Protein backbone atom coordinates (compact mmCIF):
# COMPACT_ATOMS: atom_id res chain seq x y z
CA MET A 1 3.91 36.63 275.71
CA ASN A 2 7.36 35.45 278.86
CA PRO A 3 9.51 37.56 278.02
CA GLU A 4 12.68 35.36 279.66
CA PRO A 5 11.98 31.58 278.70
CA ALA A 6 12.87 29.12 281.16
CA GLY A 7 12.68 26.13 279.27
CA ALA A 8 11.36 24.39 275.94
CA ASN A 9 7.91 24.93 277.17
CA ASP A 10 7.45 28.54 277.32
CA ILE A 11 9.47 29.30 274.18
CA ARG A 12 6.82 26.57 272.67
CA LEU A 13 4.12 28.79 274.37
CA ASN A 14 5.81 32.21 272.51
CA VAL A 15 6.22 31.03 269.45
CA ARG A 16 2.11 29.87 269.57
CA GLU A 17 1.40 33.23 270.76
CA SER A 18 3.29 34.69 267.20
CA LEU A 19 1.16 33.13 265.21
CA THR A 20 -1.54 33.44 266.49
CA GLN A 21 -0.88 37.40 266.28
CA LEU A 22 0.52 37.26 263.10
CA THR A 23 -2.93 35.66 261.77
CA VAL A 24 -4.68 38.14 263.32
CA LEU A 25 -2.61 40.75 261.64
CA GLN A 26 -2.97 39.16 258.92
CA LYS A 27 -6.76 38.67 259.23
CA GLN A 28 -7.24 42.19 259.63
CA GLY A 29 -4.90 43.01 256.64
CA ARG A 30 -1.87 44.83 258.10
CA ILE A 31 1.38 43.50 257.04
CA VAL A 32 2.88 44.11 253.74
CA MET A 33 6.47 43.50 252.55
CA THR A 34 9.36 46.52 251.89
CA ARG A 35 9.69 46.90 248.95
CA ASP A 36 13.94 48.17 248.21
CA ARG A 37 16.74 45.78 247.15
CA TYR A 38 16.95 44.26 250.45
CA ASN A 39 14.09 42.72 250.12
CA PRO A 40 13.95 40.74 246.28
CA ASP A 41 12.77 37.41 247.42
CA TRP A 42 9.46 38.45 249.88
CA THR A 43 7.66 40.60 247.91
CA ASP A 44 3.77 39.02 247.76
CA SER A 45 2.60 39.53 251.51
CA GLN A 46 0.42 36.63 251.49
CA LYS A 47 3.12 33.94 249.90
CA ALA A 48 5.58 35.78 252.68
CA LEU A 49 2.30 34.99 255.26
CA GLU A 50 1.89 31.85 254.49
CA ALA A 51 5.67 30.85 254.35
CA ALA A 52 5.88 32.42 258.01
CA THR A 53 2.41 30.95 259.50
CA ASN A 54 3.99 27.08 257.67
CA ALA A 55 6.81 27.46 259.88
CA LEU A 56 5.94 28.67 263.03
CA ALA A 57 3.25 25.36 263.07
CA LEU A 58 6.03 22.83 262.22
CA ALA A 59 7.78 24.24 264.92
CA LEU A 60 5.13 24.33 267.28
CA ASP A 61 4.50 20.73 266.35
CA ALA A 62 8.31 19.44 266.60
CA MET A 63 7.94 21.38 269.95
CA LEU A 64 5.51 19.96 271.09
CA TRP A 65 7.20 16.64 273.09
CA MET A 66 10.09 18.80 273.79
CA GLU A 67 11.08 18.56 277.93
CA THR A 68 13.72 20.73 279.71
CA LEU A 69 15.78 19.55 282.67
CA PRO A 70 17.03 21.09 285.62
CA HIS A 71 19.91 23.94 285.48
CA ALA A 72 23.38 22.45 287.59
CA ASP A 73 21.79 23.81 290.81
CA GLY A 74 18.69 22.34 290.42
CA GLY A 75 16.29 25.09 289.47
CA TYR A 76 14.92 26.87 285.88
CA PRO A 77 16.69 30.12 285.76
CA PRO A 78 15.80 32.39 283.10
CA LEU A 79 18.26 31.70 279.51
CA THR A 80 21.11 33.45 279.48
CA ASP A 81 23.67 33.42 277.21
CA GLU A 82 26.39 31.53 278.71
CA SER A 83 28.96 31.06 275.80
CA GLY A 84 30.19 35.49 277.14
CA ASP A 85 29.64 36.61 272.71
């Protein structure tokens, strides 16, 4: 996975790799859900995995045709938070 994406395609590749890794962990039966008071909604790992993999697949589909315009300097530098937060 590219730790410093420079554009939409790099991010899409990261999402695709995340989906692949999550699917492998699912097939290996290595995902369980934390059961505590902070997690009242996602106690069933199969339902959580289905929601997560569907969301990642939808994101991949939505990002397929995205392009990234060059930065004002004409290059594609790594993304940074320019808001100053």
